[in-house]
Amino acid sequence: MKLKGIELIGEYTIVYFTESFRIFDENDNEIYSENLNRFWIKRKFDEYNNKIYFENSDGYWVKREFDKNNNQIYYENSKGIIENNRLIKELTVEQIEKLLGCAIKIIK
């Protein structure tokens, strides 16, 4: 079943208030909320209840990754902020050029 574009598989709790409603997953994580002004928030959680994704109706979003010890190892948001603490660094050509202080050319 889909509700507000969210695929609901399993058991969920929907709580209605006078001016809003919220959807909770089986682990009591709030995965969606919306108010009368149509402002909404979506959240996704991993199997360890770490919040791995957040998005709202204003277009702001956050992505996170966690290691096996539940430590945050990656953070990125829609404003361009990236914090990468993974063991393997993922860099764009522009980021490599900035680190090296010169332009590079990718060859095959």
N, C-alpha and C. Protein backbone atom coordinates (compact mmCIF):
# COMPACT_ATOMS: atom_id res chain seq x y z
N MET A 1 0.84 -1.17 0.00
CA MET A 1 0.00 0.00 0.00
C MET A 1 0.89 1.24 0.00
N LYS A 2 0.49 2.24 -0.74
CA LYS A 2 1.21 3.51 -0.74
C LYS A 2 0.35 4.56 -0.08
N LEU A 3 0.98 5.37 0.75
CA LEU A 3 0.33 6.51 1.38
C LEU A 3 1.26 7.69 1.25
N LYS A 4 0.79 8.73 0.59
CA LYS A 4 1.59 9.94 0.37
C LYS A 4 2.92 9.61 -0.31
N GLY A 5 2.90 8.63 -1.22
CA GLY A 5 4.10 8.27 -1.96
C GLY A 5 5.07 7.37 -1.21
N ILE A 6 4.70 6.94 -0.03
CA ILE A 6 5.56 6.07 0.78
C ILE A 6 5.01 4.65 0.71
N GLU A 7 5.85 3.71 0.32
CA GLU A 7 5.45 2.31 0.28
C GLU A 7 5.39 1.77 1.70
N LEU A 8 4.22 1.35 2.11
CA LEU A 8 4.03 0.82 3.46
C LEU A 8 3.91 -0.69 3.38
N ILE A 9 4.96 -1.37 3.81
CA ILE A 9 4.97 -2.83 3.86
C ILE A 9 5.19 -3.22 5.31
N GLY A 10 4.33 -4.03 5.85
CA GLY A 10 4.44 -4.39 7.26
C GLY A 10 3.42 -3.63 8.08
N GLU A 11 3.71 -3.47 9.35
CA GLU A 11 2.78 -2.81 10.26
C GLU A 11 3.25 -1.39 10.57
N TYR A 12 2.33 -0.45 10.48
CA TYR A 12 2.63 0.95 10.75
C TYR A 12 1.53 1.52 11.63
N THR A 13 1.87 2.57 12.35
CA THR A 13 0.89 3.27 13.18
C THR A 13 0.71 4.66 12.60
N ILE A 14 -0.53 5.03 12.36
CA ILE A 14 -0.84 6.38 11.88
C ILE A 14 -1.56 7.10 13.00
N VAL A 15 -1.01 8.25 13.40
CA VAL A 15 -1.58 9.03 14.50
C VAL A 15 -2.09 10.34 13.93
N TYR A 16 -3.36 10.60 14.13
CA TYR A 16 -3.98 11.82 13.64
C TYR A 16 -4.13 12.82 14.78
N PHE A 17 -3.78 14.06 14.49
CA PHE A 17 -3.98 15.16 15.41
C PHE A 17 -4.93 16.15 14.76
N THR A 18 -5.30 17.21 15.45
CA THR A 18 -6.23 18.19 14.91
C THR A 18 -5.69 18.82 13.62
N GLU A 19 -4.40 19.11 13.59
CA GLU A 19 -3.83 19.82 12.44
C GLU A 19 -2.72 19.07 11.75
N SER A 20 -2.53 17.79 12.05
CA SER A 20 -1.44 17.04 11.41
C SER A 20 -1.66 15.54 11.58
N PHE A 21 -0.81 14.78 10.92
CA PHE A 21 -0.78 13.34 11.17
C PHE A 21 0.66 12.87 11.03
N ARG A 22 0.93 11.72 11.65
CA ARG A 22 2.27 11.13 11.64
C ARG A 22 2.16 9.63 11.41
N ILE A 23 3.17 9.10 10.73
CA ILE A 23 3.24 7.66 10.50
C ILE A 23 4.50 7.13 11.17
N PHE A 24 4.34 6.06 11.95
CA PHE A 24 5.45 5.44 12.65
C PHE A 24 5.62 4.01 12.15
N ASP A 25 6.87 3.56 12.03
CA ASP A 25 7.12 2.18 11.63
C ASP A 25 7.02 1.25 12.83
N GLU A 26 7.30 -0.03 12.61
CA GLU A 26 7.17 -1.03 13.69
C GLU A 26 8.17 -0.82 14.83
N ASN A 27 9.20 0.01 14.61
CA ASN A 27 10.18 0.33 15.65
C ASN A 27 9.93 1.68 16.31
N ASP A 28 8.75 2.23 16.08
CA ASP A 28 8.34 3.55 16.60
C ASP A 28 9.16 4.70 16.04
N ASN A 29 9.77 4.51 14.88
CA ASN A 29 10.45 5.61 14.19
C ASN A 29 9.42 6.38 13.38
N GLU A 30 9.40 7.69 13.53
CA GLU A 30 8.48 8.52 12.75
C GLU A 30 9.02 8.61 11.32
N ILE A 31 8.30 8.04 10.36
CA ILE A 31 8.79 8.02 8.99
C ILE A 31 8.13 9.08 8.11
N TYR A 32 7.01 9.65 8.56
CA TYR A 32 6.35 10.68 7.77
C TYR A 32 5.48 11.53 8.69
N SER A 33 5.44 12.82 8.41
CA SER A 33 4.51 13.72 9.10
C SER A 33 4.09 14.81 8.13
N GLU A 34 2.88 15.29 8.34
CA GLU A 34 2.35 16.36 7.48
C GLU A 34 1.37 17.18 8.29
N ASN A 35 1.37 18.52 8.02
CA ASN A 35 0.42 19.36 8.73
C ASN A 35 -0.60 19.96 7.75
N LEU A 36 -1.52 20.77 8.27
CA LEU A 36 -2.57 21.36 7.44
C LEU A 36 -2.04 22.26 6.34
N ASN A 37 -0.86 22.84 6.54
CA ASN A 37 -0.25 23.70 5.53
C ASN A 37 0.45 22.89 4.44
N ARG A 38 0.30 21.56 4.48
CA ARG A 38 0.91 20.62 3.53
C ARG A 38 2.43 20.55 3.65
N PHE A 39 2.98 21.04 4.76
CA PHE A 39 4.40 20.86 5.02
C PHE A 39 4.59 19.43 5.48
N TRP A 40 5.49 18.70 4.82
CA TRP A 40 5.71 17.30 5.17
C TRP A 40 7.18 17.01 5.39
N ILE A 41 7.42 15.94 6.12
CA ILE A 41 8.77 15.45 6.38
C ILE A 41 8.77 13.94 6.19
N LYS A 42 9.76 13.43 5.42
CA LYS A 42 9.94 11.99 5.25
C LYS A 42 11.26 11.61 5.90
N ARG A 43 11.28 10.44 6.51
CA ARG A 43 12.50 9.93 7.13
C ARG A 43 12.65 8.45 6.79
N LYS A 44 13.88 8.00 6.65
CA LYS A 44 14.16 6.58 6.46
C LYS A 44 15.19 6.16 7.51
N PHE A 45 15.05 4.94 7.98
CA PHE A 45 15.94 4.40 9.00
C PHE A 45 16.52 3.08 8.53
N ASP A 46 17.74 2.78 8.99
CA ASP A 46 18.33 1.48 8.66
C ASP A 46 17.85 0.44 9.67
N GLU A 47 18.34 -0.78 9.53
CA GLU A 47 17.89 -1.87 10.40
C GLU A 47 18.28 -1.68 11.86
N TYR A 48 19.18 -0.72 12.14
CA TYR A 48 19.61 -0.44 13.51
C TYR A 48 18.98 0.85 14.06
N ASN A 49 17.95 1.34 13.36
CA ASN A 49 17.21 2.55 13.73
C ASN A 49 18.02 3.83 13.62
N ASN A 50 19.09 3.82 12.83
CA ASN A 50 19.81 5.05 12.52
C ASN A 50 19.05 5.78 11.42
N LYS A 51 18.83 7.09 11.61
CA LYS A 51 18.15 7.87 10.57
C LYS A 51 19.13 8.08 9.42
N ILE A 52 18.82 7.48 8.26
CA ILE A 52 19.73 7.53 7.12
C ILE A 52 19.26 8.50 6.04
N TYR A 53 18.01 8.97 6.12
CA TYR A 53 17.53 9.92 5.11
C TYR A 53 16.46 10.80 5.73
N PHE A 54 16.50 12.08 5.36
CA PHE A 54 15.53 13.07 5.80
C PHE A 54 15.23 13.96 4.61
N GLU A 55 13.98 14.26 4.40
CA GLU A 55 13.60 15.17 3.32
C GLU A 55 12.35 15.90 3.75
N ASN A 56 12.26 17.21 3.37
CA ASN A 56 11.02 17.92 3.67
C ASN A 56 10.47 18.59 2.42
N SER A 57 9.27 19.11 2.54
CA SER A 57 8.59 19.69 1.39
C SER A 57 9.22 20.98 0.89
N ASP A 58 10.15 21.56 1.64
CA ASP A 58 10.89 22.73 1.18
C ASP A 58 12.06 22.35 0.28
N GLY A 59 12.31 21.06 0.12
CA GLY A 59 13.39 20.59 -0.73
C GLY A 59 14.68 20.28 0.00
N TYR A 60 14.72 20.49 1.30
CA TYR A 60 15.93 20.19 2.07
C TYR A 60 16.00 18.69 2.33
N TRP A 61 17.19 18.10 2.17
CA TRP A 61 17.38 16.68 2.44
C TRP A 61 18.74 16.42 3.07
N VAL A 62 18.83 15.29 3.75
CA VAL A 62 20.07 14.84 4.40
C VAL A 62 20.20 13.34 4.16
N LYS A 63 21.40 12.90 3.79
CA LYS A 63 21.71 11.48 3.66
C LYS A 63 22.81 11.15 4.66
N ARG A 64 22.71 10.00 5.29
CA ARG A 64 23.73 9.55 6.24
C ARG A 64 24.02 8.08 6.03
N GLU A 65 25.26 7.68 6.35
CA GLU A 65 25.63 6.27 6.38
C GLU A 65 26.31 6.01 7.72
N PHE A 66 26.14 4.78 8.20
CA PHE A 66 26.72 4.39 9.48
C PHE A 66 27.53 3.11 9.30
N ASP A 67 28.58 2.95 10.11
CA ASP A 67 29.37 1.72 10.06
C ASP A 67 28.71 0.64 10.93
N LYS A 68 29.38 -0.50 11.04
CA LYS A 68 28.80 -1.62 11.79
C LYS A 68 28.68 -1.34 13.28
N ASN A 69 29.36 -0.30 13.79
CA ASN A 69 29.27 0.10 15.20
C ASN A 69 28.30 1.27 15.40
N ASN A 70 27.52 1.56 14.36
CA ASN A 70 26.53 2.66 14.38
C ASN A 70 27.16 4.04 14.50
N ASN A 71 28.41 4.18 14.07
CA ASN A 71 29.05 5.49 14.00
C ASN A 71 28.77 6.09 12.63
N GLN A 72 28.40 7.36 12.62
CA GLN A 72 28.15 8.02 11.34
C GLN A 72 29.46 8.16 10.58
N ILE A 73 29.49 7.64 9.35
CA ILE A 73 30.70 7.71 8.54
C ILE A 73 30.52 8.58 7.30
N TYR A 74 29.27 8.98 7.01
CA TYR A 74 29.02 9.82 5.84
C TYR A 74 27.81 10.70 6.13
N TYR A 75 27.92 11.98 5.71
CA TYR A 75 26.83 12.93 5.84
C TYR A 75 26.85 13.81 4.60
N GLU A 76 25.68 14.04 4.05
CA GLU A 76 25.56 14.94 2.91
C GLU A 76 24.19 15.60 2.99
N ASN A 77 24.13 16.91 2.64
CA ASN A 77 22.83 17.55 2.62
C ASN A 77 22.64 18.34 1.33
N SER A 78 21.43 18.83 1.14
CA SER A 78 21.08 19.52 -0.09
C SER A 78 21.76 20.88 -0.23
N LYS A 79 22.40 21.37 0.81
CA LYS A 79 23.13 22.64 0.74
C LYS A 79 24.58 22.43 0.29
N GLY A 80 24.95 21.18 0.00
CA GLY A 80 26.29 20.89 -0.49
C GLY A 80 27.30 20.52 0.58
N ILE A 81 26.88 20.40 1.81
CA ILE A 81 27.80 20.02 2.88
C ILE A 81 27.99 18.51 2.85
N ILE A 82 29.25 18.09 2.80
CA ILE A 82 29.59 16.67 2.78
C ILE A 82 30.66 16.41 3.84
N GLU A 83 30.40 15.42 4.68
CA GLU A 83 31.40 14.96 5.64
C GLU A 83 31.59 13.48 5.38
N ASN A 84 32.76 13.12 4.89
CA ASN A 84 33.01 11.74 4.50
C ASN A 84 34.11 11.15 5.37
N ASN A 85 33.74 10.25 6.23
CA ASN A 85 34.70 9.59 7.10
C ASN A 85 34.80 8.10 6.78
N ARG A 86 34.44 7.75 5.56
CA ARG A 86 34.58 6.37 5.13
C ARG A 86 36.06 6.06 4.99
N LEU A 87 36.40 4.77 5.04
CA LEU A 87 37.80 4.39 4.86
C LEU A 87 38.27 4.68 3.44
N ILE A 88 37.39 4.50 2.48
CA ILE A 88 37.72 4.80 1.09
C ILE A 88 37.08 6.15 0.77
N LYS A 89 37.90 7.11 0.38
CA LYS A 89 37.39 8.43 0.08
C LYS A 89 36.87 8.48 -1.35
N GLU A 90 35.69 9.04 -1.53
CA GLU A 90 35.12 9.26 -2.85
C GLU A 90 35.27 10.74 -3.15
N LEU A 91 35.98 11.06 -4.24
CA LEU A 91 36.23 12.45 -4.60
C LEU A 91 35.86 12.71 -6.05
N THR A 92 35.39 13.91 -6.31
CA THR A 92 35.14 14.33 -7.69
C THR A 92 36.46 14.83 -8.28
N VAL A 93 36.50 14.99 -9.59
CA VAL A 93 37.69 15.52 -10.25
C VAL A 93 38.01 16.91 -9.68
N GLU A 94 36.98 17.70 -9.46
CA GLU A 94 37.18 19.05 -8.93
C GLU A 94 37.80 19.01 -7.53
N GLN A 95 37.36 18.06 -6.71
CA GLN A 95 37.93 17.93 -5.37
C GLN A 95 39.39 17.49 -5.42
N ILE A 96 39.73 16.58 -6.33
CA ILE A 96 41.12 16.12 -6.49
C ILE A 96 41.99 17.28 -6.96
N GLU A 97 41.50 18.04 -7.93
CA GLU A 97 42.25 19.20 -8.42
C GLU A 97 42.51 20.20 -7.29
N LYS A 98 41.52 20.41 -6.47
CA LYS A 98 41.69 21.33 -5.34
C LYS A 98 42.75 20.81 -4.38
N LEU A 99 42.72 19.50 -4.09
CA LEU A 99 43.73 18.92 -3.20
C LEU A 99 45.13 19.02 -3.79
N LEU A 100 45.25 18.77 -5.10
CA LEU A 100 46.56 18.79 -5.76
C LEU A 100 47.03 20.20 -6.09
N GLY A 101 46.10 21.11 -6.20
CA GLY A 101 46.45 22.49 -6.53
C GLY A 101 46.73 22.68 -8.01
N CYS A 102 46.26 21.77 -8.85
CA CYS A 102 46.43 21.90 -10.29
C CYS A 102 45.35 21.12 -11.02
N ALA A 103 45.19 21.42 -12.29
CA ALA A 103 44.20 20.71 -13.11
C ALA A 103 44.70 19.33 -13.44
N ILE A 104 43.77 18.38 -13.58
CA ILE A 104 44.15 17.02 -13.98
C ILE A 104 43.33 16.61 -15.18
N LYS A 105 43.83 15.62 -15.91
CA LYS A 105 43.13 15.07 -17.04
C LYS A 105 43.03 13.57 -16.82
N ILE A 106 41.83 13.04 -16.95
CA ILE A 106 41.60 11.61 -16.77
C ILE A 106 41.92 10.90 -18.10
N ILE A 107 42.80 9.92 -18.04
CA ILE A 107 43.13 9.15 -19.25
C ILE A 107 42.76 7.69 -19.02
N LYS A 108 42.51 7.01 -20.11
CA LYS A 108 42.12 5.59 -20.01
C LYS A 108 43.27 4.69 -20.37
